[in-house]
Amino acid sequence: LVKMLNELFARFDELAEENQCLRIKLLGDCYYCVSGLPEPNRYHARSCVEMGLAMVKAIKKVREALNVEVDMRV
């Protein structure tokens, strides 16, 4: 479980950069990120939505690759 979360969170970090988001905290199995900080982003809401959609796809890929049942709230 820890290895899977580590790999998934590493992918989320990549997605955050791609979507102009910033990870602000990891707490257990929770991944917190924002957009518009520290640099303002006029399209922060769109960036957050795109980040969330990319996270859903990443979770699906991990589920299929590792053949595990993993569900996360985004």
PDB file of N, CA and C in Angstrom:
ATOM      1  N   LEU A   1       0.828  -1.191   0.000  1.00  0.00           N
ATOM      2  CA  LEU A   1       0.000   0.000   0.000  1.00  0.00           C
ATOM      3  C   LEU A   1       0.875   1.259   0.000  1.00  0.00           C
ATOM      4  N   VAL A   2       1.903   1.262   0.846  1.00  0.00           N
ATOM      5  CA  VAL A   2       2.780   2.433   0.940  1.00  0.00           C
ATOM      6  C   VAL A   2       3.504   2.664  -0.383  1.00  0.00           C
ATOM      7  N   LYS A   3       3.991   1.583  -0.985  1.00  0.00           N
ATOM      8  CA  LYS A   3       4.690   1.699  -2.269  1.00  0.00           C
ATOM      9  C   LYS A   3       3.751   2.245  -3.345  1.00  0.00           C
ATOM     10  N   MET A   4       2.520   1.733  -3.380  1.00  0.00           N
ATOM     11  CA  MET A   4       1.549   2.185  -4.365  1.00  0.00           C
ATOM     12  C   MET A   4       1.247   3.668  -4.180  1.00  0.00           C
ATOM     13  N   LEU A   5       1.020   4.088  -2.931  1.00  0.00           N
ATOM     14  CA  LEU A   5       0.732   5.501  -2.669  1.00  0.00           C
ATOM     15  C   LEU A   5       1.920   6.380  -3.034  1.00  0.00           C
ATOM     16  N   ASN A   6       3.119   5.911  -2.753  1.00  0.00           N
ATOM     17  CA  ASN A   6       4.315   6.668  -3.088  1.00  0.00           C
ATOM     18  C   ASN A   6       4.406   6.879  -4.601  1.00  0.00           C
ATOM     19  N   GLU A   7       4.172   5.829  -5.368  1.00  0.00           N
ATOM     20  CA  GLU A   7       4.205   5.941  -6.829  1.00  0.00           C
ATOM     21  C   GLU A   7       3.096   6.850  -7.332  1.00  0.00           C
ATOM     22  N   LEU A   8       1.922   6.712  -6.758  1.00  0.00           N
ATOM     23  CA  LEU A   8       0.791   7.525  -7.171  1.00  0.00           C
ATOM     24  C   LEU A   8       1.026   9.000  -6.837  1.00  0.00           C
ATOM     25  N   PHE A   9       1.532   9.287  -5.656  1.00  0.00           N
ATOM     26  CA  PHE A   9       1.794  10.668  -5.274  1.00  0.00           C
ATOM     27  C   PHE A   9       2.918  11.278  -6.105  1.00  0.00           C
ATOM     28  N   ALA A  10       3.893  10.467  -6.495  1.00  0.00           N
ATOM     29  CA  ALA A  10       4.949  10.968  -7.384  1.00  0.00           C
ATOM     30  C   ALA A  10       4.338  11.365  -8.720  1.00  0.00           C
ATOM     31  N   ARG A  11       3.408  10.567  -9.215  1.00  0.00           N
ATOM     32  CA  ARG A  11       2.718  10.916 -10.472  1.00  0.00           C
ATOM     33  C   ARG A  11       1.868  12.169 -10.273  1.00  0.00           C
ATOM     34  N   PHE A  12       1.208  12.286  -9.133  1.00  0.00           N
ATOM     35  CA  PHE A  12       0.421  13.490  -8.855  1.00  0.00           C
ATOM     36  C   PHE A  12       1.311  14.734  -8.851  1.00  0.00           C
ATOM     37  N   ASP A  13       2.514  14.616  -8.312  1.00  0.00           N
ATOM     38  CA  ASP A  13       3.448  15.756  -8.331  1.00  0.00           C
ATOM     39  C   ASP A  13       3.757  16.177  -9.758  1.00  0.00           C
ATOM     40  N   GLU A  14       3.961  15.209 -10.663  1.00  0.00           N
ATOM     41  CA  GLU A  14       4.199  15.524 -12.068  1.00  0.00           C
ATOM     42  C   GLU A  14       2.981  16.205 -12.685  1.00  0.00           C
ATOM     43  N   LEU A  15       1.803  15.674 -12.384  1.00  0.00           N
ATOM     44  CA  LEU A  15       0.571  16.253 -12.909  1.00  0.00           C
ATOM     45  C   LEU A  15       0.353  17.662 -12.373  1.00  0.00           C
ATOM     46  N   ALA A  16       0.701  17.883 -11.118  1.00  0.00           N
ATOM     47  CA  ALA A  16       0.553  19.208 -10.523  1.00  0.00           C
ATOM     48  C   ALA A  16       1.387  20.223 -11.294  1.00  0.00           C
ATOM     49  N   GLU A  17       2.612  19.858 -11.608  1.00  0.00           N
ATOM     50  CA  GLU A  17       3.474  20.767 -12.365  1.00  0.00           C
ATOM     51  C   GLU A  17       2.897  21.037 -13.754  1.00  0.00           C
ATOM     52  N   GLU A  18       2.407  19.978 -14.409  1.00  0.00           N
ATOM     53  CA  GLU A  18       1.824  20.121 -15.744  1.00  0.00           C
ATOM     54  C   GLU A  18       0.583  21.014 -15.736  1.00  0.00           C
ATOM     55  N   ASN A  19      -0.146  21.028 -14.626  1.00  0.00           N
ATOM     56  CA  ASN A  19      -1.410  21.765 -14.541  1.00  0.00           C
ATOM     57  C   ASN A  19      -1.310  23.048 -13.723  1.00  0.00           C
ATOM     58  N   GLN A  20      -0.100  23.550 -13.542  1.00  0.00           N
ATOM     59  CA  GLN A  20       0.143  24.786 -12.797  1.00  0.00           C
ATOM     60  C   GLN A  20      -0.468  24.738 -11.397  1.00  0.00           C
ATOM     61  N   CYS A  21      -0.300  23.583 -10.742  1.00  0.00           N
ATOM     62  CA  CYS A  21      -0.757  23.413  -9.365  1.00  0.00           C
ATOM     63  C   CYS A  21       0.459  23.190  -8.476  1.00  0.00           C
ATOM     64  N   LEU A  22       0.253  23.304  -7.192  1.00  0.00           N
ATOM     65  CA  LEU A  22       1.328  23.145  -6.223  1.00  0.00           C
ATOM     66  C   LEU A  22       0.851  22.237  -5.093  1.00  0.00           C
ATOM     67  N   ARG A  23       1.613  21.160  -4.850  1.00  0.00           N
ATOM     68  CA  ARG A  23       1.289  20.299  -3.704  1.00  0.00           C
ATOM     69  C   ARG A  23       1.642  21.081  -2.450  1.00  0.00           C
ATOM     70  N   ILE A  24       0.677  21.159  -1.543  1.00  0.00           N
ATOM     71  CA  ILE A  24       0.942  21.884  -0.306  1.00  0.00           C
ATOM     72  C   ILE A  24       1.089  20.949   0.891  1.00  0.00           C
ATOM     73  N   LYS A  25       0.567  19.705   0.765  1.00  0.00           N
ATOM     74  CA  LYS A  25       0.656  18.823   1.910  1.00  0.00           C
ATOM     75  C   LYS A  25       0.323  17.386   1.518  1.00  0.00           C
ATOM     76  N   LEU A  26       1.010  16.458   2.169  1.00  0.00           N
ATOM     77  CA  LEU A  26       0.633  15.049   2.150  1.00  0.00           C
ATOM     78  C   LEU A  26       0.297  14.690   3.584  1.00  0.00           C
ATOM     79  N   LEU A  27      -0.828  14.065   3.774  1.00  0.00           N
ATOM     80  CA  LEU A  27      -1.239  13.670   5.116  1.00  0.00           C
ATOM     81  C   LEU A  27      -1.830  12.274   5.017  1.00  0.00           C
ATOM     82  N   GLY A  28      -1.027  11.278   5.369  1.00  0.00           N
ATOM     83  CA  GLY A  28      -1.484   9.895   5.229  1.00  0.00           C
ATOM     84  C   GLY A  28      -1.713   9.581   3.771  1.00  0.00           C
ATOM     85  N   ASP A  29      -2.957   9.256   3.433  1.00  0.00           N
ATOM     86  CA  ASP A  29      -3.279   8.963   2.046  1.00  0.00           C
ATOM     87  C   ASP A  29      -3.972  10.141   1.355  1.00  0.00           C
ATOM     88  N   CYS A  30      -3.840  11.325   1.926  1.00  0.00           N
ATOM     89  CA  CYS A  30      -4.445  12.535   1.352  1.00  0.00           C
ATOM     90  C   CYS A  30      -3.387  13.387   0.659  1.00  0.00           C
ATOM     91  N   TYR A  31      -3.736  13.889  -0.517  1.00  0.00           N
ATOM     92  CA  TYR A  31      -2.845  14.732  -1.314  1.00  0.00           C
ATOM     93  C   TYR A  31      -3.549  16.076  -1.486  1.00  0.00           C
ATOM     94  N   TYR A  32      -2.948  17.127  -0.955  1.00  0.00           N
ATOM     95  CA  TYR A  32      -3.539  18.459  -1.028  1.00  0.00           C
ATOM     96  C   TYR A  32      -2.746  19.326  -1.998  1.00  0.00           C
ATOM     97  N   CYS A  33      -3.446  19.965  -2.936  1.00  0.00           N
ATOM     98  CA  CYS A  33      -2.763  20.877  -3.850  1.00  0.00           C
ATOM     99  C   CYS A  33      -3.669  22.066  -4.154  1.00  0.00           C
ATOM    100  N   VAL A  34      -3.046  23.130  -4.627  1.00  0.00           N
ATOM    101  CA  VAL A  34      -3.757  24.366  -4.961  1.00  0.00           C
ATOM    102  C   VAL A  34      -3.206  24.904  -6.272  1.00  0.00           C
ATOM    103  N   SER A  35      -3.925  25.850  -6.836  1.00  0.00           N
ATOM    104  CA  SER A  35      -3.434  26.572  -8.003  1.00  0.00           C
ATOM    105  C   SER A  35      -3.562  28.063  -7.708  1.00  0.00           C
ATOM    106  N   GLY A  36      -2.627  28.817  -8.230  1.00  0.00           N
ATOM    107  CA  GLY A  36      -2.646  30.262  -7.996  1.00  0.00           C
ATOM    108  C   GLY A  36      -1.689  30.687  -6.892  1.00  0.00           C
ATOM    109  N   LEU A  37      -0.921  29.740  -6.369  1.00  0.00           N
ATOM    110  CA  LEU A  37       0.078  30.027  -5.344  1.00  0.00           C
ATOM    111  C   LEU A  37       1.383  29.365  -5.734  1.00  0.00           C
ATOM    112  N   PRO A  38       2.506  29.884  -5.481  1.00  0.00           N
ATOM    113  CA  PRO A  38       2.766  31.232  -4.989  1.00  0.00           C
ATOM    114  C   PRO A  38       2.593  32.293  -6.076  1.00  0.00           C
ATOM    115  N   GLU A  39       2.547  31.843  -7.352  1.00  0.00           N
ATOM    116  CA  GLU A  39       2.318  32.781  -8.451  1.00  0.00           C
ATOM    117  C   GLU A  39       0.834  32.816  -8.793  1.00  0.00           C
ATOM    118  N   PRO A  40       0.266  34.012  -8.945  1.00  0.00           N
ATOM    119  CA  PRO A  40      -1.149  34.087  -9.331  1.00  0.00           C
ATOM    120  C   PRO A  40      -1.396  33.368 -10.658  1.00  0.00           C
ATOM    121  N   ASN A  41      -2.540  32.736 -10.757  1.00  0.00           N
ATOM    122  CA  ASN A  41      -2.953  32.042 -11.965  1.00  0.00           C
ATOM    123  C   ASN A  41      -4.380  32.453 -12.256  1.00  0.00           C
ATOM    124  N   ARG A  42      -4.538  33.208 -13.308  1.00  0.00           N
ATOM    125  CA  ARG A  42      -5.863  33.715 -13.672  1.00  0.00           C
ATOM    126  C   ARG A  42      -6.867  32.578 -13.864  1.00  0.00           C
ATOM    127  N   TYR A  43      -6.373  31.425 -14.286  1.00  0.00           N
ATOM    128  CA  TYR A  43      -7.235  30.286 -14.585  1.00  0.00           C
ATOM    129  C   TYR A  43      -7.100  29.189 -13.527  1.00  0.00           C
ATOM    130  N   HIS A  44      -6.964  29.596 -12.277  1.00  0.00           N
ATOM    131  CA  HIS A  44      -6.737  28.648 -11.188  1.00  0.00           C
ATOM    132  C   HIS A  44      -7.833  27.598 -11.070  1.00  0.00           C
ATOM    133  N   ALA A  45      -9.080  27.976 -11.262  1.00  0.00           N
ATOM    134  CA  ALA A  45     -10.171  27.007 -11.144  1.00  0.00           C
ATOM    135  C   ALA A  45     -10.061  25.947 -12.235  1.00  0.00           C
ATOM    136  N   ARG A  46      -9.793  26.380 -13.451  1.00  0.00           N
ATOM    137  CA  ARG A  46      -9.633  25.442 -14.562  1.00  0.00           C
ATOM    138  C   ARG A  46      -8.444  24.506 -14.313  1.00  0.00           C
ATOM    139  N   SER A  47      -7.357  25.060 -13.812  1.00  0.00           N
ATOM    140  CA  SER A  47      -6.171  24.251 -13.517  1.00  0.00           C
ATOM    141  C   SER A  47      -6.505  23.176 -12.490  1.00  0.00           C
ATOM    142  N   CYS A  48      -7.270  23.520 -11.476  1.00  0.00           N
ATOM    143  CA  CYS A  48      -7.638  22.550 -10.439  1.00  0.00           C
ATOM    144  C   CYS A  48      -8.535  21.448 -11.003  1.00  0.00           C
ATOM    145  N   VAL A  49      -9.478  21.811 -11.851  1.00  0.00           N
ATOM    146  CA  VAL A  49     -10.365  20.818 -12.456  1.00  0.00           C
ATOM    147  C   VAL A  49      -9.563  19.882 -13.354  1.00  0.00           C
ATOM    148  N   GLU A  50      -8.688  20.451 -14.175  1.00  0.00           N
ATOM    149  CA  GLU A  50      -7.860  19.623 -15.052  1.00  0.00           C
ATOM    150  C   GLU A  50      -6.949  18.708 -14.233  1.00  0.00           C
ATOM    151  N   MET A  51      -6.444  19.205 -13.124  1.00  0.00           N
ATOM    152  CA  MET A  51      -5.618  18.392 -12.240  1.00  0.00           C
ATOM    153  C   MET A  51      -6.441  17.224 -11.694  1.00  0.00           C
ATOM    154  N   GLY A  52      -7.644  17.505 -11.236  1.00  0.00           N
ATOM    155  CA  GLY A  52      -8.512  16.451 -10.703  1.00  0.00           C
ATOM    156  C   GLY A  52      -8.825  15.383 -11.736  1.00  0.00           C
ATOM    157  N   LEU A  53      -9.114  15.788 -12.959  1.00  0.00           N
ATOM    158  CA  LEU A  53      -9.400  14.823 -14.022  1.00  0.00           C
ATOM    159  C   LEU A  53      -8.167  13.979 -14.340  1.00  0.00           C
ATOM    160  N   ALA A  54      -7.005  14.597 -14.335  1.00  0.00           N
ATOM    161  CA  ALA A  54      -5.760  13.863 -14.580  1.00  0.00           C
ATOM    162  C   ALA A  54      -5.483  12.886 -13.443  1.00  0.00           C
ATOM    163  N   MET A  55      -5.821  13.264 -12.212  1.00  0.00           N
ATOM    164  CA  MET A  55      -5.635  12.371 -11.064  1.00  0.00           C
ATOM    165  C   MET A  55      -6.519  11.135 -11.200  1.00  0.00           C
ATOM    166  N   VAL A  56      -7.754  11.323 -11.648  1.00  0.00           N
ATOM    167  CA  VAL A  56      -8.669  10.192 -11.841  1.00  0.00           C
ATOM    168  C   VAL A  56      -8.077   9.215 -12.857  1.00  0.00           C
ATOM    169  N   LYS A  57      -7.525   9.739 -13.947  1.00  0.00           N
ATOM    170  CA  LYS A  57      -6.909   8.879 -14.960  1.00  0.00           C
ATOM    171  C   LYS A  57      -5.693   8.147 -14.393  1.00  0.00           C
ATOM    172  N   ALA A  58      -4.887   8.834 -13.599  1.00  0.00           N
ATOM    173  CA  ALA A  58      -3.700   8.219 -13.002  1.00  0.00           C
ATOM    174  C   ALA A  58      -4.096   7.101 -12.045  1.00  0.00           C
ATOM    175  N   ILE A  59      -5.126   7.308 -11.269  1.00  0.00           N
ATOM    176  CA  ILE A  59      -5.611   6.277 -10.337  1.00  0.00           C
ATOM    177  C   ILE A  59      -6.073   5.049 -11.121  1.00  0.00           C
ATOM    178  N   LYS A  60      -6.786   5.279 -12.212  1.00  0.00           N
ATOM    179  CA  LYS A  60      -7.266   4.168 -13.047  1.00  0.00           C
ATOM    180  C   LYS A  60      -6.091   3.374 -13.615  1.00  0.00           C
ATOM    181  N   LYS A  61      -5.052   4.071 -14.071  1.00  0.00           N
ATOM    182  CA  LYS A  61      -3.879   3.385 -14.624  1.00  0.00           C
ATOM    183  C   LYS A  61      -3.187   2.534 -13.567  1.00  0.00           C
ATOM    184  N   VAL A  62      -3.053   3.051 -12.358  1.00  0.00           N
ATOM    185  CA  VAL A  62      -2.425   2.292 -11.278  1.00  0.00           C
ATOM    186  C   VAL A  62      -3.272   1.070 -10.935  1.00  0.00           C
ATOM    187  N   ARG A  63      -4.571   1.263 -10.887  1.00  0.00           N
ATOM    188  CA  ARG A  63      -5.486   0.147 -10.596  1.00  0.00           C
ATOM    189  C   ARG A  63      -5.296  -0.977 -11.615  1.00  0.00           C
ATOM    190  N   GLU A  64      -5.224  -0.595 -12.892  1.00  0.00           N
ATOM    191  CA  GLU A  64      -5.079  -1.600 -13.948  1.00  0.00           C
ATOM    192  C   GLU A  64      -3.677  -2.211 -13.954  1.00  0.00           C
ATOM    193  N   ALA A  65      -2.650  -1.391 -13.775  1.00  0.00           N
ATOM    194  CA  ALA A  65      -1.269  -1.875 -13.828  1.00  0.00           C
ATOM    195  C   ALA A  65      -0.947  -2.836 -12.689  1.00  0.00           C
ATOM    196  N   LEU A  66      -1.446  -2.529 -11.508  1.00  0.00           N
ATOM    197  CA  LEU A  66      -1.136  -3.352 -10.336  1.00  0.00           C
ATOM    198  C   LEU A  66      -2.223  -4.368 -10.003  1.00  0.00           C
ATOM    199  N   ASN A  67      -3.323  -4.306 -10.762  1.00  0.00           N
ATOM    200  CA  ASN A  67      -4.451  -5.206 -10.539  1.00  0.00           C
ATOM    201  C   ASN A  67      -4.912  -5.167  -9.083  1.00  0.00           C
ATOM    202  N   VAL A  68      -5.135  -3.954  -8.590  1.00  0.00           N
ATOM    203  CA  VAL A  68      -5.606  -3.759  -7.219  1.00  0.00           C
ATOM    204  C   VAL A  68      -6.858  -2.893  -7.235  1.00  0.00           C
ATOM    205  N   GLU A  69      -7.670  -3.074  -6.225  1.00  0.00           N
ATOM    206  CA  GLU A  69      -8.848  -2.232  -6.061  1.00  0.00           C
ATOM    207  C   GLU A  69      -8.455  -1.027  -5.217  1.00  0.00           C
ATOM    208  N   VAL A  70      -8.303   0.106  -5.855  1.00  0.00           N
ATOM    209  CA  VAL A  70      -7.978   1.323  -5.126  1.00  0.00           C
ATOM    210  C   VAL A  70      -8.956   2.404  -5.560  1.00  0.00           C
ATOM    211  N   ASP A  71      -9.591   3.021  -4.603  1.00  0.00           N
ATOM    212  CA  ASP A  71     -10.508   4.119  -4.856  1.00  0.00           C
ATOM    213  C   ASP A  71     -10.038   5.307  -4.025  1.00  0.00           C
ATOM    214  N   MET A  72     -10.083   6.457  -4.646  1.00  0.00           N
ATOM    215  CA  MET A  72      -9.696   7.692  -3.945  1.00  0.00           C
ATOM    216  C   MET A  72     -10.688   8.771  -4.299  1.00  0.00           C
ATOM    217  N   ARG A  73     -10.915   9.654  -3.376  1.00  0.00           N
ATOM    218  CA  ARG A  73     -11.751  10.829  -3.637  1.00  0.00           C
ATOM    219  C   ARG A  73     -10.852  11.916  -4.189  1.00  0.00           C
ATOM    220  N   VAL A  74     -11.361  12.624  -5.193  1.00  0.00           N
ATOM    221  CA  VAL A  74     -10.593  13.728  -5.778  1.00  0.00           C
ATOM    222  C   VAL A  74     -11.399  14.993  -5.610  1.00  0.00           C
TER     223      VAL A  74
END
